[in-house]
Structure formats: C-alpha cells, structure tokens
N, C-alpha and C. Protein backbone atom coordinates (compact mmCIF):
# COMPACT_ATOMS: atom_id res chain seq x y z
N MET A 1 -21.98 -10.89 -250.22
CA MET A 1 -20.92 -11.59 -251.78
C MET A 1 -21.47 -12.93 -251.45
N ASN A 2 -22.19 -13.36 -253.31
CA ASN A 2 -22.20 -14.44 -253.72
C ASN A 2 -21.32 -14.89 -254.36
N ILE A 3 -20.97 -16.33 -254.78
CA ILE A 3 -19.73 -17.25 -254.86
C ILE A 3 -19.28 -16.60 -256.19
N TYR A 4 -19.81 -15.81 -257.07
CA TYR A 4 -19.45 -15.19 -257.91
C TYR A 4 -18.16 -14.14 -257.90
N ASP A 5 -18.77 -13.65 -257.07
CA ASP A 5 -17.91 -12.45 -256.55
C ASP A 5 -16.47 -13.00 -256.01
N GLU A 6 -16.64 -13.72 -255.10
CA GLU A 6 -16.01 -14.05 -253.95
C GLU A 6 -14.30 -14.95 -255.19
N TYR A 7 -15.45 -15.66 -256.10
CA TYR A 7 -14.12 -16.35 -256.88
C TYR A 7 -13.74 -15.20 -257.81
N LYS A 8 -14.34 -13.67 -258.26
CA LYS A 8 -13.70 -13.00 -258.94
C LYS A 8 -12.69 -12.29 -258.04
N GLU A 9 -13.04 -12.34 -256.56
CA GLU A 9 -11.86 -11.26 -255.57
C GLU A 9 -10.64 -11.88 -255.15
N LYS A 10 -11.22 -13.30 -254.91
CA LYS A 10 -10.25 -13.81 -254.23
C LYS A 10 -9.13 -15.13 -255.06
N GLY A 11 -10.33 -15.27 -255.99
CA GLY A 11 -9.40 -16.61 -256.94
C GLY A 11 -9.96 -18.29 -256.51
N LYS A 12 -10.66 -17.86 -255.29
CA LYS A 12 -11.15 -19.29 -254.57
C LYS A 12 -12.33 -19.21 -254.01
N VAL A 13 -13.32 -20.34 -253.66
CA VAL A 13 -14.39 -20.60 -253.07
C VAL A 13 -14.41 -21.34 -251.99
N SER A 14 -14.60 -20.05 -250.79
CA SER A 14 -14.89 -21.67 -249.39
C SER A 14 -16.21 -22.60 -249.48
N ASN A 15 -16.03 -23.60 -248.88
CA ASN A 15 -17.22 -24.49 -248.21
C ASN A 15 -18.32 -23.58 -248.07
N ASP A 16 -18.66 -23.12 -247.30
CA ASP A 16 -19.17 -22.24 -247.06
C ASP A 16 -20.30 -21.53 -248.20
N SER A 17 -19.63 -20.97 -248.85
CA SER A 17 -20.03 -20.26 -250.13
C SER A 17 -20.83 -21.43 -250.92
N LEU A 18 -20.05 -22.59 -251.00
CA LEU A 18 -20.20 -23.65 -251.75
C LEU A 18 -21.60 -23.96 -251.49
N LYS A 19 -21.95 -24.29 -250.48
CA LYS A 19 -23.05 -24.86 -250.19
C LYS A 19 -24.54 -24.07 -249.89
N LYS A 20 -23.77 -22.61 -249.96
CA LYS A 20 -25.14 -21.69 -249.77
C LYS A 20 -25.62 -21.07 -251.11
N ALA A 21 -24.89 -21.12 -252.58
CA ALA A 21 -25.14 -20.77 -253.63
C ALA A 21 -25.98 -21.65 -254.29
N THR A 22 -26.89 -20.88 -254.92
CA THR A 22 -27.88 -21.50 -255.41
C THR A 22 -27.25 -22.79 -256.88
N GLU A 23 -27.98 -23.12 -257.73
CA GLU A 23 -27.68 -24.06 -258.57
C GLU A 23 -27.10 -23.36 -259.71
N SER A 24 -27.67 -22.56 -260.19
CA SER A 24 -27.38 -21.18 -261.13
C SER A 24 -26.44 -20.50 -260.96
N GLU A 25 -26.14 -20.04 -259.99
CA GLU A 25 -24.65 -19.88 -259.28
C GLU A 25 -23.99 -20.16 -259.81
N LEU A 26 -23.80 -21.72 -259.27
CA LEU A 26 -23.12 -23.00 -258.90
C LEU A 26 -22.23 -23.45 -261.00
N ILE A 27 -23.57 -23.23 -261.35
CA ILE A 27 -23.35 -23.24 -262.98
C ILE A 27 -22.59 -22.04 -263.45
N ALA A 28 -22.63 -20.60 -263.33
CA ALA A 28 -22.54 -19.66 -264.13
C ALA A 28 -20.83 -19.98 -263.63
N LEU A 29 -20.75 -20.31 -262.18
CA LEU A 29 -19.22 -19.86 -261.56
C LEU A 29 -18.38 -20.87 -262.21
N LYS A 30 -19.04 -22.31 -262.81
CA LYS A 30 -18.40 -23.60 -263.14
C LYS A 30 -17.84 -22.91 -264.25
N GLU A 31 -18.92 -22.56 -265.30
CA GLU A 31 -18.20 -21.81 -266.92
C GLU A 31 -17.16 -20.91 -266.45
N LEU A 32 -17.20 -20.24 -265.54
CA LEU A 32 -16.33 -19.55 -265.88
C LEU A 32 -15.11 -19.62 -265.37
N VAL A 33 -14.51 -20.56 -264.05
CA VAL A 33 -13.76 -21.26 -264.10
C VAL A 33 -13.18 -22.04 -265.06
N ASP A 34 -14.13 -23.23 -266.24
CA ASP A 34 -13.84 -23.61 -267.62
C ASP A 34 -12.93 -22.71 -268.03
N GLU A 35 -13.62 -21.67 -268.52
CA GLU A 35 -12.86 -20.54 -269.29
C GLU A 35 -11.65 -20.02 -268.69
N ASP A 36 -11.57 -20.26 -267.62
CA ASP A 36 -10.36 -19.32 -267.34
C ASP A 36 -9.11 -20.46 -267.59
N ILE A 37 -9.64 -22.10 -267.24
CA ILE A 37 -8.96 -23.33 -267.18
C ILE A 37 -8.36 -23.40 -268.27
N THR A 38 -9.18 -22.79 -269.60
CA THR A 38 -8.98 -23.10 -270.84
C THR A 38 -7.69 -21.67 -271.85
N HIS A 39 -8.07 -20.72 -270.81
CA HIS A 39 -7.22 -19.72 -270.99
C HIS A 39 -5.81 -20.08 -270.67
N ILE A 40 -5.88 -20.35 -269.40
CA ILE A 40 -4.69 -21.36 -268.93
C ILE A 40 -3.67 -22.28 -270.05
N LYS A 41 -4.60 -23.04 -270.15
CA LYS A 41 -3.96 -24.20 -271.21
C LYS A 41 -3.63 -23.55 -272.49
N ASN A 42 -4.21 -22.60 -272.93
CA ASN A 42 -3.78 -21.83 -274.16
C ASN A 42 -2.54 -21.34 -274.24
N LYS A 43 -2.35 -20.77 -273.00
CA LYS A 43 -1.04 -20.09 -272.54
C LYS A 43 0.10 -21.46 -272.84
N LEU A 44 0.11 -22.14 -271.83
CA LEU A 44 0.90 -23.20 -271.60
C LEU A 44 1.21 -23.82 -273.18
N ASP A 45 0.25 -24.04 -274.05
CA ASP A 45 0.38 -24.26 -275.09
C ASP A 45 1.12 -23.37 -276.05
N VAL A 46 1.06 -22.27 -276.02
CA VAL A 46 1.64 -21.14 -276.47
C VAL A 46 3.40 -20.99 -276.27
N VAL A 47 3.12 -21.27 -275.23
CA VAL A 47 4.85 -21.76 -274.41
C VAL A 47 5.69 -22.94 -274.75
N LYS A 48 4.66 -23.99 -275.21
CA LYS A 48 5.28 -25.44 -275.61
C LYS A 48 5.51 -25.24 -277.07
N THR A 49 4.86 -24.41 -277.83
CA THR A 49 5.32 -25.05 -279.23
C THR A 49 6.32 -23.19 -279.55
N GLU A 50 6.35 -22.54 -278.42
CA GLU A 50 7.48 -21.70 -278.83
C GLU A 50 8.75 -22.04 -278.36
N LEU A 51 8.85 -23.46 -277.28
CA LEU A 51 10.24 -24.11 -277.25
C LEU A 51 10.44 -24.89 -278.51
N ILE A 52 9.33 -25.48 -278.85
CA ILE A 52 9.61 -26.87 -279.82
C ILE A 52 10.01 -25.60 -281.58
N THR A 53 9.20 -24.82 -281.55
CA THR A 53 9.67 -24.30 -283.14
C THR A 53 11.04 -23.25 -282.65
N LYS A 54 11.08 -22.52 -281.59
CA LYS A 54 12.26 -21.39 -281.75
C LYS A 54 13.07 -21.50 -280.34
N LYS A 55 13.07 -22.78 -280.04
CA LYS A 55 13.63 -23.10 -278.63
C LYS A 55 13.52 -22.18 -277.79
N ILE A 56 12.20 -21.15 -277.55
CA ILE A 56 12.58 -20.13 -276.51
C ILE A 56 11.85 -20.91 -275.44
N TYR A 57 12.46 -21.03 -274.09
CA TYR A 57 12.20 -21.34 -272.67
C TYR A 57 11.11 -20.32 -272.42
N ALA A 58 10.13 -20.49 -271.37
CA ALA A 58 9.19 -19.77 -270.42
C ALA A 58 10.41 -19.48 -269.16
N ASN A 59 9.49 -18.83 -268.36
CA ASN A 59 10.16 -18.20 -267.42
C ASN A 59 9.85 -19.41 -266.48
N PRO A 60 10.75 -20.35 -266.12
CA PRO A 60 10.47 -21.46 -265.34
C PRO A 60 9.21 -21.06 -263.73
N ASP A 61 9.65 -19.99 -263.23
CA ASP A 61 8.45 -19.30 -262.47
C ASP A 61 7.03 -19.22 -262.41
N TRP A 62 6.95 -18.64 -263.92
CA TRP A 62 5.67 -18.13 -264.39
C TRP A 62 5.09 -20.01 -264.52
N TYR A 63 6.17 -20.63 -265.45
CA TYR A 63 5.62 -21.63 -266.16
C TYR A 63 4.95 -23.13 -264.42
N ARG A 64 5.68 -22.60 -263.66
CA ARG A 64 5.64 -23.46 -262.37
C ARG A 64 4.40 -22.92 -261.70
N ARG A 65 3.90 -21.50 -261.73
CA ARG A 65 2.82 -20.95 -261.34
C ARG A 65 1.61 -21.41 -262.20
N ALA A 66 1.55 -21.45 -263.59
CA ALA A 66 0.68 -21.10 -264.56
C ALA A 66 -0.26 -22.97 -264.32
N THR A 67 1.07 -23.97 -264.36
CA THR A 67 0.61 -25.26 -264.14
C THR A 67 -0.20 -25.44 -262.99
N ALA A 68 0.13 -25.12 -261.64
CA ALA A 68 -0.27 -24.85 -260.37
C ALA A 68 -1.90 -24.48 -260.81
N ALA A 69 -1.94 -23.01 -260.94
CA ALA A 69 -3.52 -22.50 -261.06
C ALA A 69 -3.72 -23.72 -261.73
N LYS A 70 -3.78 -24.04 -262.85
CA LYS A 70 -4.51 -25.16 -263.80
C LYS A 70 -4.87 -26.08 -262.79
N ARG A 71 -4.32 -26.51 -262.25
CA ARG A 71 -4.50 -27.42 -261.15
C ARG A 71 -5.17 -27.55 -260.37
N ILE A 72 -5.40 -26.69 -259.44
CA ILE A 72 -6.44 -25.62 -258.68
C ILE A 72 -7.86 -25.66 -259.46
N LYS A 73 -7.15 -24.81 -260.06
CA LYS A 73 -9.10 -24.35 -260.68
C LYS A 73 -9.40 -25.98 -261.72
N GLY A 74 -8.80 -26.27 -261.99
CA GLY A 74 -9.39 -27.88 -261.94
C GLY A 74 -9.97 -28.45 -261.08
N GLN A 75 -9.19 -28.80 -259.58
CA GLN A 75 -9.91 -29.46 -258.55
C GLN A 75 -11.70 -28.11 -257.98
N LEU A 76 -11.21 -27.02 -258.15
CA LEU A 76 -12.90 -26.41 -258.17
C LEU A 76 -13.70 -26.62 -258.95
N SER A 77 -12.76 -26.61 -260.23
CA SER A 77 -13.82 -27.17 -261.19
C SER A 77 -15.12 -28.36 -260.97
N GLN A 78 -14.07 -29.61 -260.39
CA GLN A 78 -14.88 -30.76 -260.38
C GLN A 78 -15.25 -30.52 -258.97
N ARG A 79 -14.86 -29.90 -257.89
CA ARG A 79 -15.72 -29.41 -256.69
C ARG A 79 -17.22 -29.12 -257.28
N LEU A 80 -17.52 -27.93 -258.03
CA LEU A 80 -18.25 -27.63 -257.87
C LEU A 80 -19.40 -28.56 -259.08
N GLN A 81 -18.88 -29.16 -260.21
CA GLN A 81 -19.39 -29.99 -260.78
C GLN A 81 -20.01 -31.24 -259.19
N ASN A 82 -19.46 -31.84 -259.22
CA ASN A 82 -19.96 -32.81 -257.65
C ASN A 82 -21.04 -32.01 -256.94
N GLU A 83 -21.08 -30.68 -256.68
CA GLU A 83 -21.91 -30.19 -255.78
C GLU A 83 -23.25 -29.98 -257.04
N ILE A 84 -23.30 -29.76 -258.34
CA ILE A 84 -24.54 -29.47 -259.14
C ILE A 84 -25.16 -30.87 -259.10
N ALA A 85 -24.27 -32.06 -259.02
CA ALA A 85 -24.60 -33.26 -259.40
C ALA A 85 -25.38 -33.70 -258.20
N GLN A 86 -25.10 -33.13 -257.09
CA GLN A 86 -25.80 -33.66 -256.16
C GLN A 86 -26.57 -33.24 -255.38
N ARG A 87 -26.91 -31.81 -256.19
CA ARG A 87 -28.29 -30.90 -255.98
C ARG A 87 -29.20 -31.58 -257.14
N LYS A 88 -28.54 -32.32 -258.14
CA LYS A 88 -29.31 -32.51 -259.37
C LYS A 88 -29.96 -34.08 -258.92
N ARG A 89 -29.45 -35.22 -258.00
CA ARG A 89 -29.63 -36.26 -257.75
C ARG A 89 -30.99 -35.74 -256.26
N GLU A 90 -30.62 -34.92 -255.84
CA GLU A 90 -31.71 -34.20 -254.43
C GLU A 90 -33.01 -33.84 -255.21
N ARG A 91 -32.60 -32.66 -256.14
CA ARG A 91 -33.95 -33.09 -256.87
C ARG A 91 -35.12 -33.64 -257.38
N LYS A 92 -33.85 -34.77 -257.80
CA LYS A 92 -34.53 -35.51 -258.75
C LYS A 92 -35.60 -36.80 -257.97
N ALA A 93 -34.91 -36.75 -256.48
CA ALA A 93 -35.72 -37.74 -255.45
C ALA A 93 -36.71 -37.11 -254.61
N ARG A 94 -36.47 -35.40 -254.48
CA ARG A 94 -37.62 -34.85 -254.05
C ARG A 94 -39.02 -34.83 -255.48
N ASP A 95 -38.83 -35.03 -256.81
CA ASP A 95 -39.42 -35.06 -257.57
C ASP A 95 -39.95 -36.27 -257.80
N ARG A 96 -38.98 -37.07 -257.78
CA ARG A 96 -39.71 -38.63 -257.51
C ARG A 96 -40.61 -39.11 -256.35
N GLU A 97 -40.54 -38.53 -255.36
CA GLU A 97 -41.74 -38.68 -253.82
C GLU A 97 -42.46 -37.65 -254.36
N LEU A 98 -42.48 -36.57 -254.77
CA LEU A 98 -44.06 -35.78 -255.13
C LEU A 98 -44.57 -36.72 -255.94
N ASN A 99 -44.22 -37.43 -256.92
CA ASN A 99 -45.05 -38.14 -258.19
C ASN A 99 -45.44 -39.39 -257.62
N GLU A 100 -44.53 -39.78 -256.39
CA GLU A 100 -45.27 -41.51 -255.78
C GLU A 100 -47.02 -40.95 -255.07
N LYS A 101 -46.47 -39.37 -254.36
CA LYS A 101 -47.94 -39.40 -253.79
C LYS A 101 -48.61 -38.52 -254.62
N ASP A 102 -48.56 -38.14 -256.11
CA ASP A 102 -49.51 -38.05 -256.34
C ASP A 102 -50.46 -39.11 -257.40
N ARG A 103 -49.59 -39.88 -257.79
CA ARG A 103 -50.00 -41.58 -257.92
C ARG A 103 -50.52 -42.14 -256.92
N ILE A 104 -50.47 -42.46 -255.53
CA ILE A 104 -51.25 -42.71 -254.46
C ILE A 104 -52.67 -41.93 -254.31
N GLY A 105 -52.36 -40.69 -254.33
CA GLY A 105 -53.58 -39.95 -254.48
C GLY A 105 -54.65 -40.27 -255.34
N TYR A 106 -54.06 -40.04 -257.11
CA TYR A 106 -54.85 -40.39 -257.89
C TYR A 106 -55.69 -41.76 -257.53
N LEU A 107 -54.72 -42.93 -257.19
CA LEU A 107 -55.22 -44.04 -256.90
C LEU A 107 -56.42 -44.28 -255.96
N LEU A 108 -56.41 -43.37 -254.86
CA LEU A 108 -57.43 -43.47 -253.54
C LEU A 108 -58.37 -42.92 -254.50
N GLU A 109 -57.90 -41.73 -255.39
CA GLU A 109 -59.32 -41.16 -255.85
C GLU A 109 -59.87 -42.05 -256.90
N ALA A 110 -59.55 -42.59 -257.59
CA ALA A 110 -60.48 -43.62 -258.25
C ALA A 110 -60.80 -44.83 -257.46
N MET A 111 -60.15 -45.02 -256.35
CA MET A 111 -60.91 -46.43 -255.82
C MET A 111 -62.08 -45.82 -255.00
N LYS A 112 -62.41 -44.72 -254.79
CA LYS A 112 -63.38 -43.92 -253.68
C LYS A 112 -64.36 -43.67 -255.24
N GLN A 113 -64.26 -43.22 -256.19
CA GLN A 113 -65.36 -43.69 -257.11
C GLN A 113 -65.78 -44.86 -257.69
N VAL A 114 -65.13 -45.82 -257.33
CA VAL A 114 -65.18 -46.76 -257.99
C VAL A 114 -66.01 -48.01 -257.35
N LEU A 115 -65.63 -48.01 -256.38
CA LEU A 115 -65.56 -48.95 -254.72
C LEU A 115 -66.72 -48.18 -253.84
N THR A 116 -67.07 -49.11 -253.27
CA THR A 116 -67.92 -48.67 -252.20
C THR A 116 -67.04 -48.46 -250.89
N PRO A 117 -67.66 -47.58 -249.96
CA PRO A 117 -66.37 -47.24 -248.88
C PRO A 117 -66.01 -48.78 -248.26
N GLU A 118 -67.12 -49.45 -247.81
CA GLU A 118 -66.16 -50.71 -246.96
C GLU A 118 -65.28 -51.46 -248.30
N GLN A 119 -64.91 -51.60 -249.51
CA GLN A 119 -64.02 -52.34 -250.64
C GLN A 119 -63.05 -51.14 -250.27
N VAL A 120 -63.03 -49.80 -250.18
CA VAL A 120 -61.82 -48.95 -250.21
C VAL A 120 -61.21 -49.39 -249.37
N GLU A 121 -61.92 -49.31 -247.69
CA GLU A 121 -61.44 -49.81 -246.71
C GLU A 121 -60.56 -51.34 -246.44
N LYS A 122 -61.29 -52.28 -247.13
CA LYS A 122 -60.70 -53.40 -247.31
C LYS A 122 -59.52 -53.55 -248.43
N VAL A 123 -59.33 -52.54 -249.32
CA VAL A 123 -58.28 -52.74 -250.27
C VAL A 123 -56.75 -51.79 -249.44
N LEU A 124 -57.35 -50.74 -248.74
CA LEU A 124 -56.38 -50.00 -247.83
C LEU A 124 -55.86 -51.09 -246.66
N ASP A 125 -56.83 -51.79 -245.97
CA ASP A 125 -56.16 -52.44 -245.05
C ASP A 125 -55.47 -53.41 -246.03
N MET A 126 -55.47 -54.50 -246.63
CA MET A 126 -54.56 -54.91 -247.15
C MET A 126 -53.58 -54.16 -247.61
N TRP A 127 -53.36 -53.38 -248.33
CA TRP A 127 -52.16 -52.48 -248.41
C TRP A 127 -51.66 -52.27 -247.18
N ARG A 128 -52.10 -51.65 -246.11
CA ARG A 128 -51.09 -51.53 -245.28
C ARG A 128 -50.48 -52.87 -244.19
N GLN A 129 -51.49 -54.03 -244.66
CA GLN A 129 -50.60 -55.56 -244.35
C GLN A 129 -49.47 -55.42 -244.96
N LEU A 130 -49.80 -55.60 -246.45
CA LEU A 130 -48.13 -55.63 -247.48
C LEU A 130 -47.49 -54.68 -247.41
N ARG A 131 -47.21 -53.42 -246.88
CA ARG A 131 -46.36 -52.46 -247.39
C ARG A 131 -45.65 -53.09 -245.93
N PRO A 132 -44.20 -52.43 -246.07
CA PRO A 132 -42.91 -52.81 -245.45
C PRO A 132 -42.92 -52.19 -243.98
C-alpha cells in the first residue's frame, strides 16, 4: 500500500510510510491533504456565516471534530512539506557534490593536456598540501 492509499483508507500516515514514499508521492499527497483542509475551512466558513446572518448555531460536536480535523490535517501537511524540503536539500547536496567532482575532473584533464607530467604532479602535490 502506498502512502496515498494509506491516507485515503486511514486518514493518517505512518512515519514509516512517510520515509518510504517517493518525492512525487509526497507531493501528490500534500496536494490532497491541502484540498481536504480547504474543504473543511469552507464548511467552517459556511457555518460561521450562518451564525452571523441567520443566528443558526452548528452542532457543537460537529464543529469540534471539524476544527480538530483541520488542525490534524494541517500538521500532516507540515510534516509532508518538511519531508519534501529535506529531500530537496539532500538532492541539491548530491548534485553539488557531483558537479564538484565533474569540475575537478575537467581541471585534471585540462592540466594533463597543457602541462608536462612533472608539472601536473607538482601541482597535485601542492594541492594535497593546501587541502584541509
């Protein structure tokens, strides 16, 4: 069962499922959760409008459950956003590391094409000394 199906079936998501989900699954689930939050907000707004305009009170138990659901879904949305952001940071760090390796490789290739083997070795020895 993927994270999207788990949410649809249970209304919540386990931390284990959150960690196993792909980034695209997380984004799709966040969109669904945000839609649910918007739907609940709209219902609460209708109830508030009826109270103001018609002096009709909503069922207190329903109102309590609706506000609790909105809060819980908001927390889930935040968890999803944090996980998506964490994965984005990790992906950027991996990409940066790969780019750095590519640049060093290009530099070494350029040195080998322009410098003599002795000069290349001398530059590499100096680089090793300067490197922390």
